[in-house]
N, C-alpha and C. Protein backbone atom coordinates (compact mmCIF):
# COMPACT_ATOMS: atom_id res chain seq x y z
N MET A 1 -109.89 126.11 98.53
CA MET A 1 -110.92 125.08 98.41
C MET A 1 -112.25 125.76 98.13
N ASN A 2 -112.90 125.33 97.08
CA ASN A 2 -114.16 125.96 96.70
C ASN A 2 -115.36 125.03 96.74
N LYS A 3 -115.14 123.72 96.67
CA LYS A 3 -116.28 122.82 96.55
C LYS A 3 -116.00 121.48 97.24
N ILE A 4 -116.92 121.07 98.11
CA ILE A 4 -116.84 119.81 98.85
C ILE A 4 -118.04 118.95 98.49
N LEU A 5 -117.81 117.65 98.32
CA LEU A 5 -118.89 116.70 98.08
C LEU A 5 -119.13 115.88 99.34
N VAL A 6 -120.38 115.78 99.74
CA VAL A 6 -120.78 114.94 100.87
C VAL A 6 -121.57 113.77 100.30
N ILE A 7 -121.06 112.57 100.50
CA ILE A 7 -121.72 111.36 100.01
C ILE A 7 -122.23 110.57 101.21
N ASN A 8 -123.53 110.33 101.24
CA ASN A 8 -124.12 109.46 102.25
C ASN A 8 -124.62 108.20 101.57
N GLY A 9 -124.29 107.06 102.16
CA GLY A 9 -124.60 105.77 101.58
C GLY A 9 -125.93 105.21 102.05
N PRO A 10 -126.05 103.89 101.98
CA PRO A 10 -127.33 103.22 102.18
C PRO A 10 -127.95 103.50 103.55
N ASN A 11 -129.24 103.71 103.49
CA ASN A 11 -130.13 103.89 104.64
C ASN A 11 -129.99 105.24 105.32
N LEU A 12 -129.05 106.07 104.88
CA LEU A 12 -128.92 107.38 105.52
C LEU A 12 -130.05 108.31 105.12
N ASN A 13 -130.77 107.97 104.08
CA ASN A 13 -132.01 108.69 103.75
C ASN A 13 -133.08 108.47 104.83
N ARG A 14 -132.86 107.51 105.72
CA ARG A 14 -133.80 107.18 106.79
C ARG A 14 -133.43 107.83 108.13
N LEU A 15 -132.45 108.75 108.09
CA LEU A 15 -132.09 109.45 109.33
C LEU A 15 -133.33 110.08 109.96
N GLY A 16 -133.39 110.00 111.27
CA GLY A 16 -134.53 110.55 111.99
C GLY A 16 -135.64 109.54 112.19
N VAL A 17 -135.64 108.49 111.38
CA VAL A 17 -136.66 107.45 111.45
C VAL A 17 -136.03 106.12 111.85
N ARG A 18 -134.90 105.79 111.25
CA ARG A 18 -134.21 104.52 111.50
C ARG A 18 -133.44 104.59 112.81
N GLU A 19 -133.74 103.74 113.72
CA GLU A 19 -133.03 103.59 114.99
C GLU A 19 -132.62 104.94 115.59
N PRO A 20 -133.59 105.77 115.97
CA PRO A 20 -133.25 107.10 116.50
C PRO A 20 -132.39 107.04 117.76
N ALA A 21 -132.44 105.97 118.51
CA ALA A 21 -131.59 105.85 119.70
C ALA A 21 -130.12 105.74 119.31
N VAL A 22 -129.85 105.26 118.09
CA VAL A 22 -128.48 105.11 117.61
C VAL A 22 -128.06 106.31 116.77
N TYR A 23 -128.94 106.75 115.86
CA TYR A 23 -128.58 107.76 114.87
C TYR A 23 -129.18 109.14 115.13
N GLY A 24 -130.01 109.28 116.14
CA GLY A 24 -130.60 110.56 116.46
C GLY A 24 -131.92 110.78 115.74
N THR A 25 -132.52 111.91 116.01
CA THR A 25 -133.85 112.21 115.47
C THR A 25 -133.82 113.25 114.34
N ASP A 26 -132.67 113.83 114.08
CA ASP A 26 -132.57 114.80 112.99
C ASP A 26 -132.55 114.06 111.66
N ASN A 27 -133.07 114.70 110.61
CA ASN A 27 -133.14 114.02 109.32
C ASN A 27 -132.03 114.47 108.38
N LEU A 28 -131.90 113.77 107.26
CA LEU A 28 -130.84 114.03 106.30
C LEU A 28 -130.94 115.43 105.71
N GLN A 29 -132.12 115.88 105.41
CA GLN A 29 -132.28 117.22 104.84
C GLN A 29 -131.74 118.29 105.78
N ASN A 30 -132.03 118.17 107.07
CA ASN A 30 -131.51 119.15 108.04
C ASN A 30 -129.99 119.10 108.11
N LEU A 31 -129.43 117.89 108.08
CA LEU A 31 -127.97 117.75 108.09
C LEU A 31 -127.36 118.44 106.87
N GLU A 32 -127.94 118.18 105.71
CA GLU A 32 -127.41 118.76 104.47
C GLU A 32 -127.49 120.28 104.50
N GLU A 33 -128.61 120.82 104.96
CA GLU A 33 -128.76 122.28 105.04
C GLU A 33 -127.74 122.88 106.00
N LYS A 34 -127.50 122.20 107.12
CA LYS A 34 -126.52 122.69 108.09
C LYS A 34 -125.11 122.71 107.49
N LEU A 35 -124.76 121.65 106.76
CA LEU A 35 -123.44 121.59 106.14
C LEU A 35 -123.29 122.66 105.05
N GLN A 36 -124.34 122.88 104.29
CA GLN A 36 -124.29 123.90 103.25
C GLN A 36 -124.12 125.30 103.86
N ARG A 37 -124.81 125.56 104.96
CA ARG A 37 -124.64 126.85 105.66
C ARG A 37 -123.21 127.00 106.18
N ALA A 38 -122.69 125.94 106.77
CA ALA A 38 -121.32 125.98 107.29
C ALA A 38 -120.33 126.21 106.15
N GLY A 39 -120.59 125.58 105.02
CA GLY A 39 -119.73 125.80 103.87
C GLY A 39 -119.74 127.24 103.41
N ARG A 40 -120.93 127.82 103.31
CA ARG A 40 -121.04 129.23 102.91
C ARG A 40 -120.28 130.13 103.88
N ASP A 41 -120.34 129.80 105.17
CA ASP A 41 -119.62 130.59 106.17
C ASP A 41 -118.11 130.59 105.92
N HIS A 42 -117.62 129.55 105.24
CA HIS A 42 -116.19 129.43 104.92
C HIS A 42 -115.90 129.73 103.45
N GLY A 43 -116.92 130.20 102.73
CA GLY A 43 -116.73 130.56 101.33
C GLY A 43 -116.59 129.38 100.39
N ILE A 44 -117.18 128.25 100.76
CA ILE A 44 -117.13 127.07 99.88
C ILE A 44 -118.54 126.55 99.63
N GLU A 45 -118.67 125.86 98.52
CA GLU A 45 -119.93 125.22 98.17
C GLU A 45 -119.90 123.78 98.67
N VAL A 46 -120.97 123.36 99.30
CA VAL A 46 -121.10 121.98 99.76
C VAL A 46 -122.25 121.34 99.00
N GLU A 47 -121.94 120.29 98.25
CA GLU A 47 -122.96 119.55 97.52
C GLU A 47 -123.17 118.22 98.23
N CYS A 48 -124.44 117.87 98.47
CA CYS A 48 -124.77 116.66 99.21
C CYS A 48 -125.55 115.69 98.33
N VAL A 49 -125.15 114.42 98.39
CA VAL A 49 -125.83 113.37 97.64
C VAL A 49 -126.00 112.15 98.55
N GLN A 50 -126.98 111.32 98.22
CA GLN A 50 -127.22 110.09 98.99
C GLN A 50 -127.70 109.03 98.02
N SER A 51 -127.20 107.81 98.20
CA SER A 51 -127.68 106.69 97.40
C SER A 51 -127.60 105.40 98.20
N ASN A 52 -128.50 104.51 97.88
CA ASN A 52 -128.49 103.17 98.45
C ASN A 52 -127.80 102.18 97.51
N HIS A 53 -127.19 102.70 96.43
CA HIS A 53 -126.63 101.85 95.37
C HIS A 53 -125.13 102.06 95.22
N GLU A 54 -124.39 100.98 95.36
CA GLU A 54 -122.94 101.02 95.36
C GLU A 54 -122.36 101.66 94.08
N GLY A 55 -122.85 101.27 92.93
CA GLY A 55 -122.31 101.78 91.68
C GLY A 55 -122.49 103.28 91.52
N VAL A 56 -123.61 103.79 92.00
CA VAL A 56 -123.86 105.24 91.95
C VAL A 56 -122.82 105.97 92.80
N ILE A 57 -122.55 105.45 93.98
CA ILE A 57 -121.56 106.05 94.87
C ILE A 57 -120.17 106.03 94.22
N ILE A 58 -119.83 104.92 93.60
CA ILE A 58 -118.53 104.82 92.92
C ILE A 58 -118.44 105.85 91.81
N ASP A 59 -119.49 106.02 91.03
CA ASP A 59 -119.49 107.04 89.97
C ASP A 59 -119.28 108.43 90.55
N TRP A 60 -119.95 108.76 91.65
CA TRP A 60 -119.78 110.08 92.28
C TRP A 60 -118.33 110.28 92.73
N ILE A 61 -117.73 109.25 93.30
CA ILE A 61 -116.34 109.36 93.75
C ILE A 61 -115.43 109.64 92.56
N HIS A 62 -115.59 108.89 91.48
CA HIS A 62 -114.77 109.10 90.28
C HIS A 62 -114.93 110.52 89.75
N GLU A 63 -116.18 110.96 89.62
CA GLU A 63 -116.46 112.30 89.08
C GLU A 63 -115.92 113.40 89.98
N ALA A 64 -115.89 113.16 91.28
CA ALA A 64 -115.43 114.17 92.24
C ALA A 64 -113.97 114.54 92.03
N ASP A 65 -113.18 113.62 91.50
CA ASP A 65 -111.76 113.88 91.31
C ASP A 65 -111.54 115.08 90.39
N GLU A 66 -112.46 115.33 89.49
CA GLU A 66 -112.34 116.44 88.55
C GLU A 66 -113.10 117.68 89.00
N LYS A 67 -114.09 117.53 89.89
CA LYS A 67 -115.02 118.62 90.17
C LYS A 67 -114.99 119.16 91.59
N PHE A 68 -114.37 118.43 92.52
CA PHE A 68 -114.43 118.81 93.93
C PHE A 68 -113.03 118.87 94.52
N ASP A 69 -112.92 119.61 95.62
CA ASP A 69 -111.65 119.75 96.31
C ASP A 69 -111.52 118.81 97.49
N GLY A 70 -112.57 118.11 97.82
CA GLY A 70 -112.55 117.16 98.92
C GLY A 70 -113.88 116.46 99.03
N ILE A 71 -113.86 115.31 99.70
CA ILE A 71 -115.07 114.49 99.89
C ILE A 71 -115.17 114.10 101.35
N MET A 72 -116.38 114.19 101.90
CA MET A 72 -116.65 113.49 103.15
C MET A 72 -117.67 112.41 102.79
N ILE A 73 -117.45 111.22 103.31
CA ILE A 73 -118.30 110.10 102.94
C ILE A 73 -118.68 109.30 104.18
N ASN A 74 -119.97 108.97 104.25
CA ASN A 74 -120.45 107.97 105.19
C ASN A 74 -120.94 106.82 104.32
N PRO A 75 -120.10 105.81 104.14
CA PRO A 75 -120.48 104.71 103.25
C PRO A 75 -121.54 103.78 103.81
N GLY A 76 -122.00 104.05 105.05
CA GLY A 76 -122.99 103.16 105.65
C GLY A 76 -122.44 101.75 105.72
N ALA A 77 -123.29 100.78 105.49
CA ALA A 77 -122.87 99.37 105.58
C ALA A 77 -121.79 99.01 104.57
N PHE A 78 -121.68 99.76 103.47
CA PHE A 78 -120.62 99.49 102.49
C PHE A 78 -119.23 99.63 103.12
N THR A 79 -119.13 100.36 104.21
CA THR A 79 -117.87 100.54 104.92
C THR A 79 -117.17 99.22 105.19
N HIS A 80 -117.96 98.21 105.49
CA HIS A 80 -117.43 96.97 106.02
C HIS A 80 -117.09 95.92 104.97
N TYR A 81 -117.52 96.15 103.72
CA TYR A 81 -117.27 95.10 102.73
C TYR A 81 -117.11 95.58 101.29
N SER A 82 -117.26 96.87 101.02
CA SER A 82 -117.19 97.30 99.61
C SER A 82 -115.76 97.62 99.20
N TYR A 83 -115.11 96.61 98.65
CA TYR A 83 -113.77 96.83 98.11
C TYR A 83 -113.85 97.70 96.86
N ALA A 84 -115.00 97.71 96.21
CA ALA A 84 -115.17 98.56 95.03
C ALA A 84 -115.16 100.04 95.42
N ILE A 85 -115.85 100.40 96.49
CA ILE A 85 -115.81 101.79 96.97
C ILE A 85 -114.42 102.11 97.50
N ARG A 86 -113.80 101.18 98.20
CA ARG A 86 -112.43 101.37 98.68
C ARG A 86 -111.49 101.68 97.52
N ASP A 87 -111.59 100.89 96.44
CA ASP A 87 -110.72 101.10 95.28
C ASP A 87 -111.02 102.41 94.57
N ALA A 88 -112.29 102.82 94.55
CA ALA A 88 -112.65 104.11 93.94
C ALA A 88 -112.01 105.25 94.72
N ILE A 89 -112.06 105.18 96.04
CA ILE A 89 -111.44 106.22 96.87
C ILE A 89 -109.92 106.23 96.63
N ALA A 90 -109.32 105.06 96.57
CA ALA A 90 -107.87 104.97 96.35
C ALA A 90 -107.46 105.52 94.99
N SER A 91 -108.38 105.56 94.04
CA SER A 91 -108.04 105.97 92.67
C SER A 91 -108.08 107.47 92.44
N ILE A 92 -108.52 108.24 93.44
CA ILE A 92 -108.65 109.68 93.24
C ILE A 92 -107.59 110.44 94.03
N SER A 93 -107.43 111.71 93.68
CA SER A 93 -106.37 112.50 94.31
C SER A 93 -106.87 113.48 95.36
N VAL A 94 -108.18 113.70 95.46
CA VAL A 94 -108.69 114.66 96.44
C VAL A 94 -108.82 113.98 97.81
N PRO A 95 -108.65 114.76 98.89
CA PRO A 95 -108.75 114.17 100.23
C PRO A 95 -110.17 113.69 100.54
N VAL A 96 -110.24 112.57 101.25
CA VAL A 96 -111.51 111.97 101.65
C VAL A 96 -111.49 111.74 103.15
N ILE A 97 -112.56 112.16 103.83
CA ILE A 97 -112.74 111.90 105.25
C ILE A 97 -113.96 111.01 105.41
N GLU A 98 -113.79 109.90 106.12
CA GLU A 98 -114.90 108.97 106.38
C GLU A 98 -115.58 109.36 107.69
N VAL A 99 -116.90 109.39 107.68
CA VAL A 99 -117.69 109.80 108.84
C VAL A 99 -118.70 108.71 109.20
N HIS A 100 -118.83 108.45 110.49
CA HIS A 100 -119.88 107.56 110.99
C HIS A 100 -120.56 108.23 112.17
N ILE A 101 -121.86 108.23 112.15
CA ILE A 101 -122.65 108.89 113.19
C ILE A 101 -122.50 108.19 114.53
N SER A 102 -122.62 106.88 114.51
CA SER A 102 -122.52 106.11 115.76
C SER A 102 -121.07 105.66 115.96
N ASN A 103 -120.77 105.25 117.17
CA ASN A 103 -119.45 104.69 117.45
C ASN A 103 -119.49 103.22 117.03
N VAL A 104 -119.00 102.97 115.84
CA VAL A 104 -119.07 101.62 115.27
C VAL A 104 -118.32 100.60 116.11
N HIS A 105 -117.36 101.06 116.91
CA HIS A 105 -116.56 100.15 117.72
C HIS A 105 -117.29 99.70 118.99
N LYS A 106 -118.41 100.34 119.31
CA LYS A 106 -119.23 99.95 120.45
C LYS A 106 -120.44 99.13 120.01
N ARG A 107 -120.49 98.81 118.72
CA ARG A 107 -121.66 98.11 118.18
C ARG A 107 -121.30 96.68 117.80
N GLU A 108 -122.08 96.08 116.94
CA GLU A 108 -121.86 94.70 116.54
C GLU A 108 -120.46 94.52 115.96
N GLU A 109 -119.92 93.33 116.17
CA GLU A 109 -118.55 93.01 115.75
C GLU A 109 -118.32 93.32 114.26
N PHE A 110 -119.29 93.01 113.40
CA PHE A 110 -119.07 93.21 111.96
C PHE A 110 -118.88 94.68 111.60
N ARG A 111 -119.29 95.59 112.47
CA ARG A 111 -119.13 97.02 112.21
C ARG A 111 -117.76 97.56 112.63
N HIS A 112 -116.96 96.76 113.27
CA HIS A 112 -115.69 97.22 113.82
C HIS A 112 -114.62 97.44 112.75
N HIS A 113 -114.75 96.83 111.60
CA HIS A 113 -113.72 96.92 110.57
C HIS A 113 -114.21 97.72 109.37
N SER A 114 -113.40 98.67 108.94
CA SER A 114 -113.69 99.46 107.74
C SER A 114 -112.68 99.10 106.66
N VAL A 115 -113.18 98.68 105.51
CA VAL A 115 -112.28 98.44 104.38
C VAL A 115 -111.96 99.74 103.65
N THR A 116 -112.75 100.78 103.90
CA THR A 116 -112.54 102.06 103.22
C THR A 116 -111.60 102.99 103.98
N ALA A 117 -111.57 102.93 105.30
CA ALA A 117 -110.77 103.86 106.11
C ALA A 117 -109.29 103.89 105.73
N PRO A 118 -108.64 102.77 105.43
CA PRO A 118 -107.21 102.82 105.13
C PRO A 118 -106.84 103.69 103.90
N VAL A 119 -107.80 103.98 103.04
CA VAL A 119 -107.49 104.80 101.86
C VAL A 119 -108.05 106.22 101.99
N THR A 120 -108.54 106.57 103.17
CA THR A 120 -109.01 107.93 103.41
C THR A 120 -107.94 108.69 104.20
N HIS A 121 -108.12 110.00 104.30
CA HIS A 121 -107.20 110.81 105.09
C HIS A 121 -107.50 110.71 106.58
N GLY A 122 -108.70 110.28 106.92
CA GLY A 122 -109.06 110.13 108.32
C GLY A 122 -110.48 109.63 108.47
N GLN A 123 -110.80 109.27 109.69
CA GLN A 123 -112.12 108.72 110.00
C GLN A 123 -112.62 109.36 111.30
N ILE A 124 -113.88 109.78 111.28
CA ILE A 124 -114.52 110.36 112.47
C ILE A 124 -115.71 109.48 112.81
N VAL A 125 -115.73 108.95 114.03
CA VAL A 125 -116.81 108.05 114.43
C VAL A 125 -117.38 108.44 115.79
N GLY A 126 -118.68 108.20 115.94
CA GLY A 126 -119.30 108.26 117.25
C GLY A 126 -119.66 109.63 117.78
N LEU A 127 -119.56 110.66 116.98
CA LEU A 127 -119.86 112.01 117.47
C LEU A 127 -121.17 112.54 116.93
N GLY A 128 -122.02 111.65 116.47
CA GLY A 128 -123.30 112.07 115.93
C GLY A 128 -123.12 112.89 114.67
N LEU A 129 -124.10 113.73 114.38
CA LEU A 129 -124.04 114.55 113.17
C LEU A 129 -122.92 115.59 113.26
N TYR A 130 -122.46 115.89 114.46
CA TYR A 130 -121.34 116.82 114.63
C TYR A 130 -120.08 116.32 113.91
N GLY A 131 -119.98 115.03 113.74
CA GLY A 131 -118.84 114.45 113.02
C GLY A 131 -118.72 115.00 111.61
N TYR A 132 -119.85 115.32 110.98
CA TYR A 132 -119.81 115.89 109.63
C TYR A 132 -119.20 117.29 109.66
N GLU A 133 -119.54 118.07 110.68
CA GLU A 133 -118.96 119.41 110.81
C GLU A 133 -117.45 119.31 111.03
N LEU A 134 -117.03 118.34 111.84
CA LEU A 134 -115.60 118.15 112.05
C LEU A 134 -114.90 117.71 110.77
N ALA A 135 -115.57 116.89 109.98
CA ALA A 135 -114.99 116.47 108.70
C ALA A 135 -114.82 117.67 107.76
N LEU A 136 -115.78 118.57 107.77
CA LEU A 136 -115.65 119.79 106.96
C LEU A 136 -114.43 120.59 107.42
N GLN A 137 -114.27 120.75 108.72
CA GLN A 137 -113.11 121.46 109.25
C GLN A 137 -111.80 120.76 108.86
N ALA A 138 -111.81 119.45 108.92
CA ALA A 138 -110.60 118.69 108.55
C ALA A 138 -110.27 118.90 107.07
N LEU A 139 -111.26 118.88 106.21
CA LEU A 139 -111.01 119.10 104.79
C LEU A 139 -110.47 120.51 104.54
N LEU A 140 -110.99 121.48 105.26
CA LEU A 140 -110.47 122.83 105.13
C LEU A 140 -109.00 122.90 105.55
N GLN A 141 -108.67 122.22 106.64
CA GLN A 141 -107.29 122.19 107.11
C GLN A 141 -106.36 121.47 106.13
N LEU A 142 -106.85 120.36 105.59
CA LEU A 142 -106.03 119.59 104.64
C LEU A 142 -105.68 120.40 103.41
N ARG A 143 -106.56 121.30 103.04
CA ARG A 143 -106.35 122.12 101.85
C ARG A 143 -105.72 123.47 102.18
N GLY A 144 -105.42 123.69 103.47
CA GLY A 144 -104.68 124.87 103.87
C GLY A 144 -105.49 126.16 103.92
N LYS A 145 -106.81 126.05 104.11
CA LYS A 145 -107.62 127.27 104.18
C LYS A 145 -107.72 127.76 105.61
């Protein structure tokens, strides 16, 4: 495995500012730098992207099938209703791990269901930003490194 794509969806650009009691005080840039360092430690490149736009995320997923060995994705609110992102994930052959910073099952009822999780290799929820590090480890294991 040489290259992992990290996709963060809507409002994750507001990490550290948006509901810090739920999502913590660290920002997206720090998370991305930490993941890139962890990737280098394992001899892989980690590319991080974020968008608030569904179509952009779908394009990244499609393109990743040719360019990346795995994806970790936090679809944000799209998790609960984007059948388009779900279908994009189902259409590719690289492993995908879904990550959520908060424990969505302890929050509002509408957050309890993920339409994207059934087409991923796994889902990590409620472990804060550490969940992204675990997703990286899972992708490494899935690819046999």
